[in-house]
Amino acid sequence: MTSRDELRLLPWSGPDGKPCFLSTDDDSSGLSRLADTLETTYLALAAEALDHASDVLNLVQPDPADLRAAFMHVTAALQQVLRVAESRGHRLISASSASPQA
């Protein structure tokens, strides 16, 4: 059985909110490519949320509803980006432990 350290944390959760993992040796599999695409999308959406939040915060008197909406978008984006970072961090650790030592 594959250990949890060798599994790829996917950028989505299961129906019960628990993390989903992928066990494959093929980084170009359909599911791996879908996860890569979604990770890229999440990072782009986070950049957009940050830009919008910066615009709202730069207003002299931002509307409270706009502030709340911007904060909610940034919070959601940060959750997604943290999951991407965690997944990529695990893959870096797995890759470095699989590399031959000099």
PDB file of N, CA and C in Angstrom:
ATOM      1  N   MET A   1       0.840  -1.179   0.000  1.00  0.00           N
ATOM      2  CA  MET A   1       0.000   0.000   0.000  1.00  0.00           C
ATOM      3  C   MET A   1       0.887   1.245   0.000  1.00  0.00           C
ATOM      4  N   THR A   2       0.437   2.277  -0.704  1.00  0.00           N
ATOM      5  CA  THR A   2       1.176   3.529  -0.784  1.00  0.00           C
ATOM      6  C   THR A   2       1.000   4.307   0.501  1.00  0.00           C
ATOM      7  N   SER A   3       2.112   4.851   1.016  1.00  0.00           N
ATOM      8  CA  SER A   3       1.996   5.632   2.245  1.00  0.00           C
ATOM      9  C   SER A   3       1.382   6.987   1.936  1.00  0.00           C
ATOM     10  N   ARG A   4       0.835   7.626   2.949  1.00  0.00           N
ATOM     11  CA  ARG A   4       0.190   8.929   2.777  1.00  0.00           C
ATOM     12  C   ARG A   4       1.185   9.978   2.284  1.00  0.00           C
ATOM     13  N   ASP A   5       2.472   9.833   2.625  1.00  0.00           N
ATOM     14  CA  ASP A   5       3.497  10.764   2.172  1.00  0.00           C
ATOM     15  C   ASP A   5       3.738  10.663   0.674  1.00  0.00           C
ATOM     16  N   GLU A   6       3.395   9.529   0.073  1.00  0.00           N
ATOM     17  CA  GLU A   6       3.599   9.332  -1.353  1.00  0.00           C
ATOM     18  C   GLU A   6       2.370   9.714  -2.168  1.00  0.00           C
ATOM     19  N   LEU A   7       1.276  10.053  -1.512  1.00  0.00           N
ATOM     20  CA  LEU A   7       0.054  10.419  -2.197  1.00  0.00           C
ATOM     21  C   LEU A   7       0.050  11.902  -2.522  1.00  0.00           C
ATOM     22  N   ARG A   8      -0.598  12.251  -3.611  1.00  0.00           N
ATOM     23  CA  ARG A   8      -0.735  13.665  -3.977  1.00  0.00           C
ATOM     24  C   ARG A   8      -2.035  14.196  -3.389  1.00  0.00           C
ATOM     25  N   LEU A   9      -1.921  15.250  -2.604  1.00  0.00           N
ATOM     26  CA  LEU A   9      -3.101  15.939  -2.087  1.00  0.00           C
ATOM     27  C   LEU A   9      -3.724  16.695  -3.250  1.00  0.00           C
ATOM     28  N   LEU A  10      -4.965  16.392  -3.542  1.00  0.00           N
ATOM     29  CA  LEU A  10      -5.656  17.039  -4.647  1.00  0.00           C
ATOM     30  C   LEU A  10      -6.246  18.373  -4.204  1.00  0.00           C
ATOM     31  N   PRO A  11      -6.451  19.298  -5.141  1.00  0.00           N
ATOM     32  CA  PRO A  11      -6.926  20.630  -4.763  1.00  0.00           C
ATOM     33  C   PRO A  11      -8.435  20.717  -4.549  1.00  0.00           C
ATOM     34  N   TRP A  12      -9.079  19.613  -4.277  1.00  0.00           N
ATOM     35  CA  TRP A  12     -10.503  19.621  -3.959  1.00  0.00           C
ATOM     36  C   TRP A  12     -10.749  18.642  -2.830  1.00  0.00           C
ATOM     37  N   SER A  13     -11.887  18.785  -2.203  1.00  0.00           N
ATOM     38  CA  SER A  13     -12.269  17.914  -1.090  1.00  0.00           C
ATOM     39  C   SER A  13     -13.331  16.933  -1.565  1.00  0.00           C
ATOM     40  N   GLY A  14     -13.483  15.872  -0.808  1.00  0.00           N
ATOM     41  CA  GLY A  14     -14.534  14.917  -1.085  1.00  0.00           C
ATOM     42  C   GLY A  14     -15.878  15.461  -0.635  1.00  0.00           C
ATOM     43  N   PRO A  15     -16.948  14.720  -0.886  1.00  0.00           N
ATOM     44  CA  PRO A  15     -18.284  15.191  -0.538  1.00  0.00           C
ATOM     45  C   PRO A  15     -18.453  15.461   0.954  1.00  0.00           C
ATOM     46  N   ASP A  16     -17.677  14.809   1.781  1.00  0.00           N
ATOM     47  CA  ASP A  16     -17.773  14.995   3.229  1.00  0.00           C
ATOM     48  C   ASP A  16     -16.790  16.051   3.738  1.00  0.00           C
ATOM     49  N   GLY A  17     -16.104  16.751   2.808  1.00  0.00           N
ATOM     50  CA  GLY A  17     -15.171  17.796   3.190  1.00  0.00           C
ATOM     51  C   GLY A  17     -13.770  17.301   3.522  1.00  0.00           C
ATOM     52  N   LYS A  18     -13.568  16.000   3.472  1.00  0.00           N
ATOM     53  CA  LYS A  18     -12.238  15.444   3.768  1.00  0.00           C
ATOM     54  C   LYS A  18     -11.332  15.573   2.547  1.00  0.00           C
ATOM     55  N   PRO A  19     -10.015  15.631   2.772  1.00  0.00           N
ATOM     56  CA  PRO A  19      -9.085  15.770   1.651  1.00  0.00           C
ATOM     57  C   PRO A  19      -9.139  14.555   0.721  1.00  0.00           C
ATOM     58  N   CYS A  20      -8.856  14.803  -0.543  1.00  0.00           N
ATOM     59  CA  CYS A  20      -8.760  13.737  -1.544  1.00  0.00           C
ATOM     60  C   CYS A  20      -7.293  13.568  -1.925  1.00  0.00           C
ATOM     61  N   PHE A  21      -6.888  12.355  -2.133  1.00  0.00           N
ATOM     62  CA  PHE A  21      -5.514  12.048  -2.495  1.00  0.00           C
ATOM     63  C   PHE A  21      -5.494  11.218  -3.766  1.00  0.00           C
ATOM     64  N   LEU A  22      -4.392  11.331  -4.505  1.00  0.00           N
ATOM     65  CA  LEU A  22      -4.192  10.569  -5.733  1.00  0.00           C
ATOM     66  C   LEU A  22      -2.949   9.725  -5.581  1.00  0.00           C
ATOM     67  N   SER A  23      -3.066   8.467  -5.930  1.00  0.00           N
ATOM     68  CA  SER A  23      -1.919   7.567  -5.926  1.00  0.00           C
ATOM     69  C   SER A  23      -1.636   7.180  -7.375  1.00  0.00           C
ATOM     70  N   THR A  24      -0.554   7.720  -7.929  1.00  0.00           N
ATOM     71  CA  THR A  24      -0.163   7.390  -9.291  1.00  0.00           C
ATOM     72  C   THR A  24       1.317   7.659  -9.479  1.00  0.00           C
ATOM     73  N   ASP A  25       1.914   6.913 -10.375  1.00  0.00           N
ATOM     74  CA  ASP A  25       3.303   7.156 -10.758  1.00  0.00           C
ATOM     75  C   ASP A  25       3.367   7.999 -12.026  1.00  0.00           C
ATOM     76  N   ASP A  26       2.189   8.313 -12.593  1.00  0.00           N
ATOM     77  CA  ASP A  26       2.102   9.021 -13.869  1.00  0.00           C
ATOM     78  C   ASP A  26       1.666  10.465 -13.649  1.00  0.00           C
ATOM     79  N   ASP A  27       2.623  11.394 -13.666  1.00  0.00           N
ATOM     80  CA  ASP A  27       2.307  12.807 -13.474  1.00  0.00           C
ATOM     81  C   ASP A  27       1.532  13.393 -14.645  1.00  0.00           C
ATOM     82  N   SER A  28       1.417  12.650 -15.746  1.00  0.00           N
ATOM     83  CA  SER A  28       0.676  13.148 -16.906  1.00  0.00           C
ATOM     84  C   SER A  28      -0.667  12.440 -17.062  1.00  0.00           C
ATOM     85  N   SER A  29      -1.103  11.732 -16.027  1.00  0.00           N
ATOM     86  CA  SER A  29      -2.415  11.081 -16.100  1.00  0.00           C
ATOM     87  C   SER A  29      -3.506  12.142 -16.173  1.00  0.00           C
ATOM     88  N   GLY A  30      -4.669  11.746 -16.610  1.00  0.00           N
ATOM     89  CA  GLY A  30      -5.788  12.678 -16.735  1.00  0.00           C
ATOM     90  C   GLY A  30      -6.105  13.383 -15.425  1.00  0.00           C
ATOM     91  N   LEU A  31      -6.137  12.648 -14.335  1.00  0.00           N
ATOM     92  CA  LEU A  31      -6.450  13.242 -13.037  1.00  0.00           C
ATOM     93  C   LEU A  31      -5.324  14.159 -12.552  1.00  0.00           C
ATOM     94  N   SER A  32      -4.082  13.790 -12.832  1.00  0.00           N
ATOM     95  CA  SER A  32      -2.957  14.656 -12.473  1.00  0.00           C
ATOM     96  C   SER A  32      -3.015  15.965 -13.251  1.00  0.00           C
ATOM     97  N   ARG A  33      -3.329  15.873 -14.553  1.00  0.00           N
ATOM     98  CA  ARG A  33      -3.428  17.083 -15.374  1.00  0.00           C
ATOM     99  C   ARG A  33      -4.584  17.957 -14.914  1.00  0.00           C
ATOM    100  N   LEU A  34      -5.716  17.335 -14.539  1.00  0.00           N
ATOM    101  CA  LEU A  34      -6.852  18.100 -14.031  1.00  0.00           C
ATOM    102  C   LEU A  34      -6.467  18.823 -12.741  1.00  0.00           C
ATOM    103  N   ALA A  35      -5.773  18.146 -11.852  1.00  0.00           N
ATOM    104  CA  ALA A  35      -5.326  18.763 -10.602  1.00  0.00           C
ATOM    105  C   ALA A  35      -4.362  19.909 -10.885  1.00  0.00           C
ATOM    106  N   ASP A  36      -3.437  19.720 -11.828  1.00  0.00           N
ATOM    107  CA  ASP A  36      -2.503  20.790 -12.194  1.00  0.00           C
ATOM    108  C   ASP A  36      -3.254  22.012 -12.723  1.00  0.00           C
ATOM    109  N   THR A  37      -4.242  21.766 -13.583  1.00  0.00           N
ATOM    110  CA  THR A  37      -5.034  22.856 -14.159  1.00  0.00           C
ATOM    111  C   THR A  37      -5.802  23.597 -13.069  1.00  0.00           C
ATOM    112  N   LEU A  38      -6.397  22.851 -12.152  1.00  0.00           N
ATOM    113  CA  LEU A  38      -7.159  23.488 -11.074  1.00  0.00           C
ATOM    114  C   LEU A  38      -6.235  24.272 -10.142  1.00  0.00           C
ATOM    115  N   GLU A  39      -5.060  23.745  -9.848  1.00  0.00           N
ATOM    116  CA  GLU A  39      -4.096  24.479  -9.019  1.00  0.00           C
ATOM    117  C   GLU A  39      -3.715  25.797  -9.693  1.00  0.00           C
ATOM    118  N   THR A  40      -3.446  25.759 -10.988  1.00  0.00           N
ATOM    119  CA  THR A  40      -3.097  26.974 -11.734  1.00  0.00           C
ATOM    120  C   THR A  40      -4.251  27.970 -11.706  1.00  0.00           C
ATOM    121  N   THR A  41      -5.463  27.475 -11.858  1.00  0.00           N
ATOM    122  CA  THR A  41      -6.650  28.323 -11.811  1.00  0.00           C
ATOM    123  C   THR A  41      -6.805  28.960 -10.440  1.00  0.00           C
ATOM    124  N   TYR A  42      -6.622  28.174  -9.384  1.00  0.00           N
ATOM    125  CA  TYR A  42      -6.726  28.705  -8.023  1.00  0.00           C
ATOM    126  C   TYR A  42      -5.703  29.816  -7.786  1.00  0.00           C
ATOM    127  N   LEU A  43      -4.487  29.634  -8.275  1.00  0.00           N
ATOM    128  CA  LEU A  43      -3.456  30.649  -8.084  1.00  0.00           C
ATOM    129  C   LEU A  43      -3.806  31.931  -8.844  1.00  0.00           C
ATOM    130  N   ALA A  44      -4.347  31.789 -10.046  1.00  0.00           N
ATOM    131  CA  ALA A  44      -4.756  32.965 -10.823  1.00  0.00           C
ATOM    132  C   ALA A  44      -5.918  33.682 -10.150  1.00  0.00           C
ATOM    133  N   LEU A  45      -6.882  32.918  -9.636  1.00  0.00           N
ATOM    134  CA  LEU A  45      -8.022  33.528  -8.946  1.00  0.00           C
ATOM    135  C   LEU A  45      -7.575  34.239  -7.673  1.00  0.00           C
ATOM    136  N   ALA A  46      -6.591  33.687  -6.998  1.00  0.00           N
ATOM    137  CA  ALA A  46      -6.069  34.333  -5.787  1.00  0.00           C
ATOM    138  C   ALA A  46      -5.415  35.663  -6.138  1.00  0.00           C
ATOM    139  N   ALA A  47      -4.680  35.703  -7.229  1.00  0.00           N
ATOM    140  CA  ALA A  47      -4.054  36.959  -7.661  1.00  0.00           C
ATOM    141  C   ALA A  47      -5.126  38.000  -7.982  1.00  0.00           C
ATOM    142  N   GLU A  48      -6.204  37.573  -8.629  1.00  0.00           N
ATOM    143  CA  GLU A  48      -7.301  38.489  -8.940  1.00  0.00           C
ATOM    144  C   GLU A  48      -7.979  38.983  -7.658  1.00  0.00           C
ATOM    145  N   ALA A  49      -8.203  38.090  -6.716  1.00  0.00           N
ATOM    146  CA  ALA A  49      -8.837  38.474  -5.446  1.00  0.00           C
ATOM    147  C   ALA A  49      -7.965  39.473  -4.700  1.00  0.00           C
ATOM    148  N   LEU A  50      -6.663  39.254  -4.718  1.00  0.00           N
ATOM    149  CA  LEU A  50      -5.737  40.168  -4.054  1.00  0.00           C
ATOM    150  C   LEU A  50      -5.737  41.542  -4.728  1.00  0.00           C
ATOM    151  N   ASP A  51      -5.724  41.544  -6.053  1.00  0.00           N
ATOM    152  CA  ASP A  51      -5.777  42.818  -6.782  1.00  0.00           C
ATOM    153  C   ASP A  51      -7.061  43.582  -6.451  1.00  0.00           C
ATOM    154  N   HIS A  52      -8.182  42.869  -6.450  1.00  0.00           N
ATOM    155  CA  HIS A  52      -9.461  43.525  -6.155  1.00  0.00           C
ATOM    156  C   HIS A  52      -9.476  44.051  -4.720  1.00  0.00           C
ATOM    157  N   ALA A  53      -8.990  43.252  -3.778  1.00  0.00           N
ATOM    158  CA  ALA A  53      -8.956  43.682  -2.379  1.00  0.00           C
ATOM    159  C   ALA A  53      -8.071  44.920  -2.226  1.00  0.00           C
ATOM    160  N   SER A  54      -6.951  44.946  -2.927  1.00  0.00           N
ATOM    161  CA  SER A  54      -6.065  46.118  -2.870  1.00  0.00           C
ATOM    162  C   SER A  54      -6.773  47.354  -3.406  1.00  0.00           C
ATOM    163  N   ASP A  55      -7.518  47.177  -4.493  1.00  0.00           N
ATOM    164  CA  ASP A  55      -8.277  48.302  -5.050  1.00  0.00           C
ATOM    165  C   ASP A  55      -9.297  48.822  -4.046  1.00  0.00           C
ATOM    166  N   VAL A  56     -10.013  47.923  -3.394  1.00  0.00           N
ATOM    167  CA  VAL A  56     -11.022  48.325  -2.407  1.00  0.00           C
ATOM    168  C   VAL A  56     -10.355  49.031  -1.228  1.00  0.00           C
ATOM    169  N   LEU A  57      -9.248  48.480  -0.758  1.00  0.00           N
ATOM    170  CA  LEU A  57      -8.562  49.079   0.391  1.00  0.00           C
ATOM    171  C   LEU A  57      -7.942  50.439   0.062  1.00  0.00           C
ATOM    172  N   ASN A  58      -7.665  50.683  -1.210  1.00  0.00           N
ATOM    173  CA  ASN A  58      -7.088  51.972  -1.608  1.00  0.00           C
ATOM    174  C   ASN A  58      -8.138  53.074  -1.762  1.00  0.00           C
ATOM    175  N   LEU A  59      -9.412  52.711  -1.670  1.00  0.00           N
ATOM    176  CA  LEU A  59     -10.460  53.726  -1.733  1.00  0.00           C
ATOM    177  C   LEU A  59     -10.413  54.579  -0.469  1.00  0.00           C
ATOM    178  N   VAL A  60     -10.725  55.859  -0.597  1.00  0.00           N
ATOM    179  CA  VAL A  60     -10.719  56.757   0.549  1.00  0.00           C
ATOM    180  C   VAL A  60     -11.731  56.311   1.596  1.00  0.00           C
ATOM    181  N   GLN A  61     -12.943  55.999   1.161  1.00  0.00           N
ATOM    182  CA  GLN A  61     -13.976  55.509   2.079  1.00  0.00           C
ATOM    183  C   GLN A  61     -14.651  54.291   1.455  1.00  0.00           C
ATOM    184  N   PRO A  62     -14.018  53.123   1.595  1.00  0.00           N
ATOM    185  CA  PRO A  62     -14.611  51.933   0.981  1.00  0.00           C
ATOM    186  C   PRO A  62     -15.948  51.578   1.632  1.00  0.00           C
ATOM    187  N   ASP A  63     -16.837  51.084   0.810  1.00  0.00           N
ATOM    188  CA  ASP A  63     -18.140  50.645   1.294  1.00  0.00           C
ATOM    189  C   ASP A  63     -17.946  49.377   2.137  1.00  0.00           C
ATOM    190  N   PRO A  64     -18.591  49.293   3.303  1.00  0.00           N
ATOM    191  CA  PRO A  64     -18.441  48.095   4.141  1.00  0.00           C
ATOM    192  C   PRO A  64     -18.822  46.805   3.412  1.00  0.00           C
ATOM    193  N   ALA A  65     -19.826  46.866   2.549  1.00  0.00           N
ATOM    194  CA  ALA A  65     -20.222  45.662   1.804  1.00  0.00           C
ATOM    195  C   ALA A  65     -19.116  45.242   0.842  1.00  0.00           C
ATOM    196  N   ASP A  66     -18.442  46.220   0.221  1.00  0.00           N
ATOM    197  CA  ASP A  66     -17.327  45.907  -0.670  1.00  0.00           C
ATOM    198  C   ASP A  66     -16.141  45.327   0.100  1.00  0.00           C
ATOM    199  N   LEU A  67     -15.885  45.889   1.281  1.00  0.00           N
ATOM    200  CA  LEU A  67     -14.815  45.357   2.125  1.00  0.00           C
ATOM    201  C   LEU A  67     -15.095  43.909   2.520  1.00  0.00           C
ATOM    202  N   ARG A  68     -16.333  43.662   2.925  1.00  0.00           N
ATOM    203  CA  ARG A  68     -16.716  42.297   3.329  1.00  0.00           C
ATOM    204  C   ARG A  68     -16.580  41.319   2.158  1.00  0.00           C
ATOM    205  N   ALA A  69     -17.050  41.719   0.988  1.00  0.00           N
ATOM    206  CA  ALA A  69     -16.967  40.848  -0.190  1.00  0.00           C
ATOM    207  C   ALA A  69     -15.505  40.570  -0.547  1.00  0.00           C
ATOM    208  N   ALA A  70     -14.689  41.615  -0.525  1.00  0.00           N
ATOM    209  CA  ALA A  70     -13.272  41.436  -0.842  1.00  0.00           C
ATOM    210  C   ALA A  70     -12.601  40.514   0.172  1.00  0.00           C
ATOM    211  N   PHE A  71     -12.913  40.707   1.446  1.00  0.00           N
ATOM    212  CA  PHE A  71     -12.327  39.871   2.497  1.00  0.00           C
ATOM    213  C   PHE A  71     -12.755  38.411   2.323  1.00  0.00           C
ATOM    214  N   MET A  72     -14.014  38.193   1.975  1.00  0.00           N
ATOM    215  CA  MET A  72     -14.497  36.823   1.765  1.00  0.00           C
ATOM    216  C   MET A  72     -13.789  36.166   0.580  1.00  0.00           C
ATOM    217  N   HIS A  73     -13.589  36.921  -0.515  1.00  0.00           N
ATOM    218  CA  HIS A  73     -12.896  36.361  -1.677  1.00  0.00           C
ATOM    219  C   HIS A  73     -11.437  36.058  -1.367  1.00  0.00           C
ATOM    220  N   VAL A  74     -10.781  36.956  -0.638  1.00  0.00           N
ATOM    221  CA  VAL A  74      -9.383  36.726  -0.278  1.00  0.00           C
ATOM    222  C   VAL A  74      -9.262  35.524   0.670  1.00  0.00           C
ATOM    223  N   THR A  75     -10.195  35.396   1.594  1.00  0.00           N
ATOM    224  CA  THR A  75     -10.179  34.258   2.527  1.00  0.00           C
ATOM    225  C   THR A  75     -10.337  32.938   1.774  1.00  0.00           C
ATOM    226  N   ALA A  76     -11.303  32.883   0.857  1.00  0.00           N
ATOM    227  CA  ALA A  76     -11.509  31.660   0.064  1.00  0.00           C
ATOM    228  C   ALA A  76     -10.274  31.358  -0.781  1.00  0.00           C
ATOM    229  N   ALA A  77      -9.708  32.404  -1.391  1.00  0.00           N
ATOM    230  CA  ALA A  77      -8.516  32.216  -2.221  1.00  0.00           C
ATOM    231  C   ALA A  77      -7.341  31.720  -1.386  1.00  0.00           C
ATOM    232  N   LEU A  78      -7.185  32.262  -0.193  1.00  0.00           N
ATOM    233  CA  LEU A  78      -6.086  31.842   0.672  1.00  0.00           C
ATOM    234  C   LEU A  78      -6.235  30.373   1.067  1.00  0.00           C
ATOM    235  N   GLN A  79      -7.442  29.937   1.341  1.00  0.00           N
ATOM    236  CA  GLN A  79      -7.664  28.524   1.657  1.00  0.00           C
ATOM    237  C   GLN A  79      -7.232  27.637   0.491  1.00  0.00           C
ATOM    238  N   GLN A  80      -7.588  28.043  -0.729  1.00  0.00           N
ATOM    239  CA  GLN A  80      -7.224  27.263  -1.915  1.00  0.00           C
ATOM    240  C   GLN A  80      -5.718  27.265  -2.141  1.00  0.00           C
ATOM    241  N   VAL A  81      -5.097  28.433  -1.977  1.00  0.00           N
ATOM    242  CA  VAL A  81      -3.660  28.549  -2.194  1.00  0.00           C
ATOM    243  C   VAL A  81      -2.888  27.740  -1.147  1.00  0.00           C
ATOM    244  N   LEU A  82      -3.358  27.735   0.076  1.00  0.00           N
ATOM    245  CA  LEU A  82      -2.704  26.930   1.112  1.00  0.00           C
ATOM    246  C   LEU A  82      -2.763  25.443   0.775  1.00  0.00           C
ATOM    247  N   ARG A  83      -3.880  24.996   0.231  1.00  0.00           N
ATOM    248  CA  ARG A  83      -3.992  23.590  -0.164  1.00  0.00           C
ATOM    249  C   ARG A  83      -3.024  23.291  -1.302  1.00  0.00           C
ATOM    250  N   VAL A  84      -2.918  24.204  -2.273  1.00  0.00           N
ATOM    251  CA  VAL A  84      -1.975  24.023  -3.371  1.00  0.00           C
ATOM    252  C   VAL A  84      -0.547  23.975  -2.819  1.00  0.00           C
ATOM    253  N   ALA A  85      -0.222  24.894  -1.930  1.00  0.00           N
ATOM    254  CA  ALA A  85       1.130  24.928  -1.344  1.00  0.00           C
ATOM    255  C   ALA A  85       1.420  23.644  -0.570  1.00  0.00           C
ATOM    256  N   GLU A  86       0.449  23.185   0.188  1.00  0.00           N
ATOM    257  CA  GLU A  86       0.639  21.935   0.947  1.00  0.00           C
ATOM    258  C   GLU A  86       0.881  20.770  -0.001  1.00  0.00           C
ATOM    259  N   SER A  87       0.079  20.676  -1.043  1.00  0.00           N
ATOM    260  CA  SER A  87       0.230  19.590  -2.007  1.00  0.00           C
ATOM    261  C   SER A  87       1.592  19.639  -2.687  1.00  0.00           C
ATOM    262  N   ARG A  88       1.967  20.828  -3.137  1.00  0.00           N
ATOM    263  CA  ARG A  88       3.258  20.964  -3.824  1.00  0.00           C
ATOM    264  C   ARG A  88       4.420  20.736  -2.868  1.00  0.00           C
ATOM    265  N   GLY A  89       4.269  21.157  -1.633  1.00  0.00           N
ATOM    266  CA  GLY A  89       5.308  20.919  -0.636  1.00  0.00           C
ATOM    267  C   GLY A  89       5.513  19.437  -0.381  1.00  0.00           C
ATOM    268  N   HIS A  90       4.411  18.698  -0.290  1.00  0.00           N
ATOM    269  CA  HIS A  90       4.514  17.244  -0.094  1.00  0.00           C
ATOM    270  C   HIS A  90       5.209  16.597  -1.284  1.00  0.00           C
ATOM    271  N   ARG A  91       4.896  17.061  -2.485  1.00  0.00           N
ATOM    272  CA  ARG A  91       5.520  16.475  -3.670  1.00  0.00           C
ATOM    273  C   ARG A  91       7.001  16.813  -3.739  1.00  0.00           C
ATOM    274  N   LEU A  92       7.394  18.001  -3.284  1.00  0.00           N
ATOM    275  CA  LEU A  92       8.813  18.355  -3.253  1.00  0.00           C
ATOM    276  C   LEU A  92       9.570  17.466  -2.274  1.00  0.00           C
ATOM    277  N   ILE A  93       8.965  17.258  -1.104  1.00  0.00           N
ATOM    278  CA  ILE A  93       9.594  16.395  -0.092  1.00  0.00           C
ATOM    279  C   ILE A  93       9.719  14.977  -0.621  1.00  0.00           C
ATOM    280  N   SER A  94       8.647  14.468  -1.259  1.00  0.00           N
ATOM    281  CA  SER A  94       8.682  13.113  -1.808  1.00  0.00           C
ATOM    282  C   SER A  94       9.715  12.992  -2.898  1.00  0.00           C
ATOM    283  N   ALA A  95       9.800  14.015  -3.758  1.00  0.00           N
ATOM    284  CA  ALA A  95      10.775  13.991  -4.849  1.00  0.00           C
ATOM    285  C   ALA A  95      12.209  14.030  -4.325  1.00  0.00           C
ATOM    286  N   SER A  96      12.450  14.850  -3.305  1.00  0.00           N
ATOM    287  CA  SER A  96      13.818  14.952  -2.774  1.00  0.00           C
ATOM    288  C   SER A  96      14.217  13.684  -2.018  1.00  0.00           C
ATOM    289  N   SER A  97      13.260  13.033  -1.382  1.00  0.00           N
ATOM    290  CA  SER A  97      13.589  11.797  -0.658  1.00  0.00           C
ATOM    291  C   SER A  97      13.778  10.642  -1.627  1.00  0.00           C
ATOM    292  N   ALA A  98      13.204  10.748  -2.838  1.00  0.00           N
ATOM    293  CA  ALA A  98      13.362   9.698  -3.837  1.00  0.00           C
ATOM    294  C   ALA A  98      14.636   9.876  -4.632  1.00  0.00           C
ATOM    295  N   SER A  99      15.219  11.088  -4.608  1.00  0.00           N
ATOM    296  CA  SER A  99      16.457  11.350  -5.360  1.00  0.00           C
ATOM    297  C   SER A  99      17.626  10.664  -4.685  1.00  0.00           C
ATOM    298  N   PRO A 100      18.553  10.167  -5.492  1.00  0.00           N
ATOM    299  CA  PRO A 100      19.746   9.544  -4.890  1.00  0.00           C
ATOM    300  C   PRO A 100      20.594  10.585  -4.186  1.00  0.00           C
ATOM    301  N   GLN A 101      21.149  10.219  -3.084  1.00  0.00           N
ATOM    302  CA  GLN A 101      21.997  11.112  -2.287  1.00  0.00           C
ATOM    303  C   GLN A 101      23.370  11.220  -2.937  1.00  0.00           C
ATOM    304  N   ALA A 102      23.957  12.411  -2.900  1.00  0.00           N
ATOM    305  CA  ALA A 102      25.290  12.623  -3.503  1.00  0.00           C
ATOM    306  C   ALA A 102      26.372  12.054  -2.633  1.00  0.00           C
TER     307      ALA A 102
END
